[in-house]
Amino acid sequence: MSTSVQPGESDSPAVPWADMMKLVRQLSHDIRNNLTAVELQSAYLSELAEEGEIKSEIQRLRQMVSEVGIGLQRLTAGFSQTKPVPIEYKAAEFVEDLKQKLAAEMPDHWNKITWDVQAEDATLQIDPQLMLQALLELFVNAFQHERDVKSISAKAYINQERFVFELREPKMQFESSTEAWGREALRHVSPGHYGLGLNRVRLVAESHGGDLRARYDGKTSILLTTVTLPTA
């Protein structure tokens, strides 16, 4: 990707993605170093403070610092390269692990998910940690944009030697295009969210020889997101 500016174009240079990744990783590293120093200092102040309002406020400060650090870790993960270390993994066991991870990390939404799993005999060649985080991001994305959703459906099955994972979300209003689904990093940014989630899911799927697709059915008001992976 060229960084030169052609006549008539914007004065803003086009920055290669690799350079953006390097910048974000370094910036996150520098800020987290400072946050670590703040955390150590606040821990020392907490030891000096007597019980009461001051001590509770210091604890609150430490919690705020911790949340900032977690946010930076998530941002860095969105820019990190996908280099899977695949192992053989039973598809049914993978889905069970996904269920457990969802129950642990999204307890408020866990009971809103209905499951249909038909992949008992298949084996995958995947990096479990990368793939679990990728599919978890689909659920996070679904509930983030539809906070009042009552139910979403998840289905896993085998089709022509491919593992297929489908997520169906009810969306009464949907005006986005699905043509470039997962290929518009940084396009939709909001407080605490940086438009990297779906792009990350796509990259992880493709690094395993799979893909990410989406299709919206206006008649049923359902967004269908599909991740496919080759079986071993």
C-alpha atoms as a PDB file:
ATOM      1  CA  MET A   1       0.000   0.000   0.000  1.00  0.00           C
ATOM      2  CA  SER A   2       1.499   3.319  -1.082  1.00  0.00           C
ATOM      3  CA  THR A   3       1.725   6.292   1.270  1.00  0.00           C
ATOM      4  CA  SER A   4       2.219   8.869  -1.483  1.00  0.00           C
ATOM      5  CA  VAL A   5      -0.421  11.507  -2.118  1.00  0.00           C
ATOM      6  CA  GLN A   6      -1.664  11.983  -5.669  1.00  0.00           C
ATOM      7  CA  PRO A   7      -2.906  15.339  -6.955  1.00  0.00           C
ATOM      8  CA  GLY A   8      -6.508  15.930  -5.975  1.00  0.00           C
ATOM      9  CA  GLU A   9      -6.429  13.340  -3.217  1.00  0.00           C
ATOM     10  CA  SER A  10      -6.629  13.971   0.505  1.00  0.00           C
ATOM     11  CA  ASP A  11      -3.519  15.227   2.227  1.00  0.00           C
ATOM     12  CA  SER A  12      -3.847  12.313   4.678  1.00  0.00           C
ATOM     13  CA  PRO A  13      -1.365   9.523   3.831  1.00  0.00           C
ATOM     14  CA  ALA A  14      -2.491   5.922   3.362  1.00  0.00           C
ATOM     15  CA  VAL A  15      -0.836   3.994   6.187  1.00  0.00           C
ATOM     16  CA  PRO A  16      -0.046   0.297   5.625  1.00  0.00           C
ATOM     17  CA  TRP A  17      -1.882  -2.045   8.001  1.00  0.00           C
ATOM     18  CA  ALA A  18       1.404  -3.522   9.264  1.00  0.00           C
ATOM     19  CA  ASP A  19       2.583  -0.054  10.306  1.00  0.00           C
ATOM     20  CA  MET A  20      -0.731   0.594  12.059  1.00  0.00           C
ATOM     21  CA  MET A  21      -0.372  -2.689  13.953  1.00  0.00           C
ATOM     22  CA  LYS A  22       3.162  -1.776  15.018  1.00  0.00           C
ATOM     23  CA  LEU A  23       2.038   1.657  16.217  1.00  0.00           C
ATOM     24  CA  VAL A  24      -0.878   0.316  18.254  1.00  0.00           C
ATOM     25  CA  ARG A  25       1.226  -2.406  19.880  1.00  0.00           C
ATOM     26  CA  GLN A  26       3.928   0.072  20.867  1.00  0.00           C
ATOM     27  CA  LEU A  27       1.441   2.661  22.117  1.00  0.00           C
ATOM     28  CA  SER A  28      -0.418   0.031  24.137  1.00  0.00           C
ATOM     29  CA  HIS A  29       2.863  -1.214  25.595  1.00  0.00           C
ATOM     30  CA  ASP A  30       3.914   2.287  26.645  1.00  0.00           C
ATOM     31  CA  ILE A  31       0.560   3.130  28.234  1.00  0.00           C
ATOM     32  CA  ARG A  32       0.363  -0.189  30.071  1.00  0.00           C
ATOM     33  CA  ASN A  33       3.823   0.426  31.517  1.00  0.00           C
ATOM     34  CA  ASN A  34       2.548   3.707  32.943  1.00  0.00           C
ATOM     35  CA  LEU A  35      -0.608   2.008  34.210  1.00  0.00           C
ATOM     36  CA  THR A  36       1.532  -0.563  36.002  1.00  0.00           C
ATOM     37  CA  ALA A  37       3.382   2.251  37.759  1.00  0.00           C
ATOM     38  CA  VAL A  38       0.064   3.842  38.765  1.00  0.00           C
ATOM     39  CA  GLU A  39      -1.186   0.492  40.061  1.00  0.00           C
ATOM     40  CA  LEU A  40       1.935  -0.026  42.183  1.00  0.00           C
ATOM     41  CA  GLN A  41       1.705   3.476  43.577  1.00  0.00           C
ATOM     42  CA  SER A  42      -1.980   3.111  44.417  1.00  0.00           C
ATOM     43  CA  ALA A  43      -1.275  -0.225  46.114  1.00  0.00           C
ATOM     44  CA  TYR A  44       1.335   1.512  48.272  1.00  0.00           C
ATOM     45  CA  LEU A  45      -1.106   4.308  49.135  1.00  0.00           C
ATOM     46  CA  SER A  46      -3.733   1.724  50.033  1.00  0.00           C
ATOM     47  CA  GLU A  47      -1.349   0.213  52.575  1.00  0.00           C
ATOM     48  CA  LEU A  48      -0.733   3.628  54.112  1.00  0.00           C
ATOM     49  CA  ALA A  49      -4.366   4.662  54.210  1.00  0.00           C
ATOM     50  CA  GLU A  50      -6.528   3.818  57.182  1.00  0.00           C
ATOM     51  CA  GLU A  51      -9.868   2.091  56.795  1.00  0.00           C
ATOM     52  CA  GLY A  52     -12.551   4.423  55.562  1.00  0.00           C
ATOM     53  CA  GLU A  53     -13.490   6.539  52.592  1.00  0.00           C
ATOM     54  CA  ILE A  54      -9.927   7.198  51.413  1.00  0.00           C
ATOM     55  CA  LYS A  55      -9.089   3.506  51.282  1.00  0.00           C
ATOM     56  CA  SER A  56     -12.265   2.681  49.367  1.00  0.00           C
ATOM     57  CA  GLU A  57     -11.539   5.453  46.860  1.00  0.00           C
ATOM     58  CA  ILE A  58      -8.044   4.073  46.307  1.00  0.00           C
ATOM     59  CA  GLN A  59      -9.526   0.641  45.638  1.00  0.00           C
ATOM     60  CA  ARG A  60     -11.888   2.231  43.135  1.00  0.00           C
ATOM     61  CA  LEU A  61      -8.940   3.935  41.447  1.00  0.00           C
ATOM     62  CA  ARG A  62      -7.133   0.605  41.137  1.00  0.00           C
ATOM     63  CA  GLN A  63     -10.217  -0.941  39.545  1.00  0.00           C
ATOM     64  CA  MET A  64     -10.410   1.880  36.997  1.00  0.00           C
ATOM     65  CA  VAL A  65      -6.740   1.417  36.106  1.00  0.00           C
ATOM     66  CA  SER A  66      -7.310  -2.307  35.680  1.00  0.00           C
ATOM     67  CA  GLU A  67     -10.241  -1.706  33.303  1.00  0.00           C
ATOM     68  CA  VAL A  68      -8.132   0.611  31.153  1.00  0.00           C
ATOM     69  CA  GLY A  69      -5.438  -2.065  30.940  1.00  0.00           C
ATOM     70  CA  ILE A  70      -7.988  -4.703  29.887  1.00  0.00           C
ATOM     71  CA  GLY A  71      -9.315  -2.368  27.209  1.00  0.00           C
ATOM     72  CA  LEU A  72      -5.819  -1.874  25.812  1.00  0.00           C
ATOM     73  CA  GLN A  73      -5.253  -5.624  25.737  1.00  0.00           C
ATOM     74  CA  ARG A  74      -8.420  -6.109  23.696  1.00  0.00           C
ATOM     75  CA  LEU A  75      -7.418  -3.340  21.312  1.00  0.00           C
ATOM     76  CA  THR A  76      -3.968  -4.860  20.819  1.00  0.00           C
ATOM     77  CA  ALA A  77      -5.517  -8.300  20.243  1.00  0.00           C
ATOM     78  CA  GLY A  78      -7.609  -6.831  17.438  1.00  0.00           C
ATOM     79  CA  PHE A  79      -4.436  -5.747  15.653  1.00  0.00           C
ATOM     80  CA  SER A  80      -2.355  -8.829  16.412  1.00  0.00           C
ATOM     81  CA  GLN A  81      -1.326 -11.219  13.667  1.00  0.00           C
ATOM     82  CA  THR A  82      -3.080 -14.565  13.406  1.00  0.00           C
ATOM     83  CA  LYS A  83      -0.519 -17.357  13.490  1.00  0.00           C
ATOM     84  CA  PRO A  84      -2.430 -20.464  14.560  1.00  0.00           C
ATOM     85  CA  VAL A  85      -0.747 -23.464  16.136  1.00  0.00           C
ATOM     86  CA  PRO A  86      -3.279 -26.113  15.077  1.00  0.00           C
ATOM     87  CA  ILE A  87      -3.978 -29.373  16.847  1.00  0.00           C
ATOM     88  CA  GLU A  88      -6.550 -32.079  16.257  1.00  0.00           C
ATOM     89  CA  TYR A  89      -9.743 -31.249  18.110  1.00  0.00           C
ATOM     90  CA  LYS A  90     -13.102 -32.980  18.120  1.00  0.00           C
ATOM     91  CA  ALA A  91     -15.720 -30.623  16.706  1.00  0.00           C
ATOM     92  CA  ALA A  92     -18.289 -31.538  19.368  1.00  0.00           C
ATOM     93  CA  GLU A  93     -15.755 -30.892  22.140  1.00  0.00           C
ATOM     94  CA  PHE A  94     -14.885 -27.555  20.577  1.00  0.00           C
ATOM     95  CA  VAL A  95     -18.533 -26.483  20.647  1.00  0.00           C
ATOM     96  CA  GLU A  96     -18.830 -27.603  24.277  1.00  0.00           C
ATOM     97  CA  ASP A  97     -15.762 -25.524  25.141  1.00  0.00           C
ATOM     98  CA  LEU A  98     -17.380 -22.565  23.377  1.00  0.00           C
ATOM     99  CA  LYS A  99     -20.527 -23.016  25.469  1.00  0.00           C
ATOM    100  CA  GLN A 100     -18.495 -23.035  28.689  1.00  0.00           C
ATOM    101  CA  LYS A 101     -16.572 -19.923  27.634  1.00  0.00           C
ATOM    102  CA  LEU A 102     -19.799 -18.109  26.821  1.00  0.00           C
ATOM    103  CA  ALA A 103     -21.316 -19.088  30.167  1.00  0.00           C
ATOM    104  CA  ALA A 104     -18.236 -17.765  31.982  1.00  0.00           C
ATOM    105  CA  GLU A 105     -17.766 -14.524  30.045  1.00  0.00           C
ATOM    106  CA  MET A 106     -21.375 -13.637  29.164  1.00  0.00           C
ATOM    107  CA  PRO A 107     -23.478 -14.897  32.088  1.00  0.00           C
ATOM    108  CA  ASP A 108     -26.201 -12.286  31.481  1.00  0.00           C
ATOM    109  CA  HIS A 109     -26.827 -13.548  27.949  1.00  0.00           C
ATOM    110  CA  TRP A 110     -26.023 -17.255  28.202  1.00  0.00           C
ATOM    111  CA  ASN A 111     -29.652 -18.336  28.606  1.00  0.00           C
ATOM    112  CA  LYS A 112     -30.673 -16.413  25.466  1.00  0.00           C
ATOM    113  CA  ILE A 113     -28.795 -18.796  23.166  1.00  0.00           C
ATOM    114  CA  THR A 114     -30.452 -21.869  21.662  1.00  0.00           C
ATOM    115  CA  TRP A 115     -28.147 -24.587  20.317  1.00  0.00           C
ATOM    116  CA  ASP A 116     -28.342 -27.170  17.565  1.00  0.00           C
ATOM    117  CA  VAL A 117     -25.138 -29.238  17.382  1.00  0.00           C
ATOM    118  CA  GLN A 118     -24.713 -32.046  14.850  1.00  0.00           C
ATOM    119  CA  ALA A 119     -20.948 -32.527  14.619  1.00  0.00           C
ATOM    120  CA  GLU A 120     -20.243 -35.493  16.893  1.00  0.00           C
ATOM    121  CA  ASP A 121     -17.937 -37.485  14.576  1.00  0.00           C
ATOM    122  CA  ALA A 122     -15.925 -34.682  12.978  1.00  0.00           C
ATOM    123  CA  THR A 123     -12.372 -33.668  13.834  1.00  0.00           C
ATOM    124  CA  LEU A 124     -10.919 -30.205  13.271  1.00  0.00           C
ATOM    125  CA  GLN A 125      -7.334 -29.033  12.850  1.00  0.00           C
ATOM    126  CA  ILE A 126      -7.451 -25.724  14.751  1.00  0.00           C
ATOM    127  CA  ASP A 127      -5.813 -23.486  17.285  1.00  0.00           C
ATOM    128  CA  PRO A 128      -8.525 -23.766  19.976  1.00  0.00           C
ATOM    129  CA  GLN A 129      -7.667 -20.533  21.752  1.00  0.00           C
ATOM    130  CA  LEU A 130      -7.790 -18.438  18.568  1.00  0.00           C
ATOM    131  CA  MET A 131     -10.993 -20.027  17.296  1.00  0.00           C
ATOM    132  CA  LEU A 132     -12.795 -19.797  20.631  1.00  0.00           C
ATOM    133  CA  GLN A 133     -11.982 -16.094  20.883  1.00  0.00           C
ATOM    134  CA  ALA A 134     -13.127 -15.561  17.284  1.00  0.00           C
ATOM    135  CA  LEU A 135     -16.516 -17.233  17.753  1.00  0.00           C
ATOM    136  CA  LEU A 136     -16.958 -15.554  21.128  1.00  0.00           C
ATOM    137  CA  GLU A 137     -16.557 -12.228  19.315  1.00  0.00           C
ATOM    138  CA  LEU A 138     -19.576 -13.062  17.146  1.00  0.00           C
ATOM    139  CA  PHE A 139     -21.753 -13.405  20.248  1.00  0.00           C
ATOM    140  CA  VAL A 140     -20.292 -10.257  21.811  1.00  0.00           C
ATOM    141  CA  ASN A 141     -21.038  -8.378  18.597  1.00  0.00           C
ATOM    142  CA  ALA A 142     -24.586  -9.744  18.454  1.00  0.00           C
ATOM    143  CA  PHE A 143     -25.548  -8.750  21.978  1.00  0.00           C
ATOM    144  CA  GLN A 144     -23.682  -5.441  21.815  1.00  0.00           C
ATOM    145  CA  HIS A 145     -25.818  -4.149  18.950  1.00  0.00           C
ATOM    146  CA  GLU A 146     -29.107  -5.741  20.041  1.00  0.00           C
ATOM    147  CA  ARG A 147     -29.223  -5.248  23.806  1.00  0.00           C
ATOM    148  CA  ASP A 148     -32.910  -6.165  24.077  1.00  0.00           C
ATOM    149  CA  VAL A 149     -32.697  -9.338  21.993  1.00  0.00           C
ATOM    150  CA  LYS A 150     -34.581 -12.228  23.603  1.00  0.00           C
ATOM    151  CA  SER A 151     -32.961 -15.116  21.758  1.00  0.00           C
ATOM    152  CA  ILE A 152     -30.346 -15.978  19.141  1.00  0.00           C
ATOM    153  CA  SER A 153     -29.699 -19.360  17.567  1.00  0.00           C
ATOM    154  CA  ALA A 154     -26.370 -21.141  17.141  1.00  0.00           C
ATOM    155  CA  LYS A 155     -25.995 -24.187  14.922  1.00  0.00           C
ATOM    156  CA  ALA A 156     -22.951 -26.370  14.226  1.00  0.00           C
ATOM    157  CA  TYR A 157     -22.912 -29.160  11.643  1.00  0.00           C
ATOM    158  CA  ILE A 158     -20.834 -30.859   8.955  1.00  0.00           C
ATOM    159  CA  ASN A 159     -21.449 -30.202   5.265  1.00  0.00           C
ATOM    160  CA  GLN A 160     -19.241 -31.672   2.525  1.00  0.00           C
ATOM    161  CA  GLU A 161     -16.247 -32.162   4.835  1.00  0.00           C
ATOM    162  CA  ARG A 162     -16.580 -28.636   6.183  1.00  0.00           C
ATOM    163  CA  PHE A 163     -17.439 -27.642   9.739  1.00  0.00           C
ATOM    164  CA  VAL A 164     -20.165 -25.002   9.575  1.00  0.00           C
ATOM    165  CA  PHE A 165     -21.043 -22.679  12.444  1.00  0.00           C
ATOM    166  CA  GLU A 166     -24.130 -20.502  11.981  1.00  0.00           C
ATOM    167  CA  LEU A 167     -25.386 -17.681  14.169  1.00  0.00           C
ATOM    168  CA  ARG A 168     -28.881 -16.322  13.602  1.00  0.00           C
ATOM    169  CA  GLU A 169     -29.707 -12.924  15.097  1.00  0.00           C
ATOM    170  CA  PRO A 170     -33.066 -11.147  14.935  1.00  0.00           C
ATOM    171  CA  LYS A 171     -32.607  -7.634  13.549  1.00  0.00           C
ATOM    172  CA  MET A 172     -35.712  -5.615  12.844  1.00  0.00           C
ATOM    173  CA  GLN A 173     -33.679  -2.767  11.366  1.00  0.00           C
ATOM    174  CA  PHE A 174     -30.603  -3.598   9.326  1.00  0.00           C
ATOM    175  CA  GLU A 175     -29.243  -1.200   6.736  1.00  0.00           C
ATOM    176  CA  SER A 176     -25.623  -2.353   6.508  1.00  0.00           C
ATOM    177  CA  SER A 177     -24.233  -4.200   3.515  1.00  0.00           C
ATOM    178  CA  THR A 178     -22.922  -7.736   4.028  1.00  0.00           C
ATOM    179  CA  GLU A 179     -20.815  -7.703   0.860  1.00  0.00           C
ATOM    180  CA  ALA A 180     -17.627  -6.736   2.719  1.00  0.00           C
ATOM    181  CA  TRP A 181     -18.537  -8.396   6.024  1.00  0.00           C
ATOM    182  CA  GLY A 182     -15.448  -8.549   8.224  1.00  0.00           C
ATOM    183  CA  ARG A 183     -13.418  -6.447   5.788  1.00  0.00           C
ATOM    184  CA  GLU A 184     -14.124  -2.956   7.093  1.00  0.00           C
ATOM    185  CA  ALA A 185     -11.783  -2.611  10.046  1.00  0.00           C
ATOM    186  CA  LEU A 186     -12.021   0.693  11.936  1.00  0.00           C
ATOM    187  CA  ARG A 187     -15.132   1.691   9.978  1.00  0.00           C
ATOM    188  CA  HIS A 188     -17.618   1.586  12.876  1.00  0.00           C
ATOM    189  CA  VAL A 189     -16.135   3.027  16.074  1.00  0.00           C
ATOM    190  CA  SER A 190     -17.933   3.734  19.358  1.00  0.00           C
ATOM    191  CA  PRO A 191     -16.857   4.168  23.008  1.00  0.00           C
ATOM    192  CA  GLY A 192     -14.994   1.004  24.010  1.00  0.00           C
ATOM    193  CA  HIS A 193     -15.385  -0.559  20.555  1.00  0.00           C
ATOM    194  CA  TYR A 194     -13.005   0.043  17.664  1.00  0.00           C
ATOM    195  CA  GLY A 195     -14.430  -1.759  14.650  1.00  0.00           C
ATOM    196  CA  LEU A 196     -11.933  -4.617  14.784  1.00  0.00           C
ATOM    197  CA  GLY A 197     -14.008  -7.576  15.994  1.00  0.00           C
ATOM    198  CA  LEU A 198     -15.448  -8.950  12.740  1.00  0.00           C
ATOM    199  CA  ASN A 199     -12.212  -8.269  10.898  1.00  0.00           C
ATOM    200  CA  ARG A 200     -10.425 -10.338  13.533  1.00  0.00           C
ATOM    201  CA  VAL A 201     -12.947 -13.188  13.174  1.00  0.00           C
ATOM    202  CA  ARG A 202     -12.408 -13.238   9.416  1.00  0.00           C
ATOM    203  CA  LEU A 203      -8.620 -13.267   9.728  1.00  0.00           C
ATOM    204  CA  VAL A 204      -8.693 -16.127  12.235  1.00  0.00           C
ATOM    205  CA  ALA A 205     -11.076 -18.158  10.079  1.00  0.00           C
ATOM    206  CA  GLU A 206      -9.008 -17.592   6.932  1.00  0.00           C
ATOM    207  CA  SER A 207      -5.779 -18.490   8.740  1.00  0.00           C
ATOM    208  CA  HIS A 208      -7.380 -21.912   9.364  1.00  0.00           C
ATOM    209  CA  GLY A 209      -8.400 -22.349   5.725  1.00  0.00           C
ATOM    210  CA  GLY A 210     -11.963 -21.219   6.410  1.00  0.00           C
ATOM    211  CA  ASP A 211     -14.053 -18.140   5.822  1.00  0.00           C
ATOM    212  CA  LEU A 212     -16.601 -15.737   7.309  1.00  0.00           C
ATOM    213  CA  ARG A 213     -19.820 -14.742   5.561  1.00  0.00           C
ATOM    214  CA  ALA A 214     -23.064 -12.958   6.413  1.00  0.00           C
ATOM    215  CA  ARG A 215     -26.491 -12.614   4.814  1.00  0.00           C
ATOM    216  CA  TYR A 216     -29.544 -10.659   5.900  1.00  0.00           C
ATOM    217  CA  ASP A 217     -33.052 -11.939   5.195  1.00  0.00           C
ATOM    218  CA  GLY A 218     -35.424  -8.995   5.124  1.00  0.00           C
ATOM    219  CA  LYS A 219     -38.516 -11.217   5.141  1.00  0.00           C
ATOM    220  CA  THR A 220     -37.645 -12.888   8.447  1.00  0.00           C
ATOM    221  CA  SER A 221     -35.513  -9.994   9.799  1.00  0.00           C
ATOM    222  CA  ILE A 222     -32.688 -12.434  10.520  1.00  0.00           C
ATOM    223  CA  LEU A 223     -28.951 -11.822  10.118  1.00  0.00           C
ATOM    224  CA  LEU A 224     -27.196 -15.116   9.393  1.00  0.00           C
ATOM    225  CA  THR A 225     -23.457 -15.171  10.102  1.00  0.00           C
ATOM    226  CA  THR A 226     -21.548 -18.249   8.968  1.00  0.00           C
ATOM    227  CA  VAL A 227     -18.030 -19.447   9.771  1.00  0.00           C
ATOM    228  CA  THR A 228     -16.781 -22.502   7.902  1.00  0.00           C
ATOM    229  CA  LEU A 229     -13.659 -24.539   8.611  1.00  0.00           C
ATOM    230  CA  PRO A 230     -12.175 -27.596   6.918  1.00  0.00           C
ATOM    231  CA  THR A 231     -12.404 -30.869   8.825  1.00  0.00           C
ATOM    232  CA  ALA A 232      -9.221 -32.825   9.471  1.00  0.00           C
END
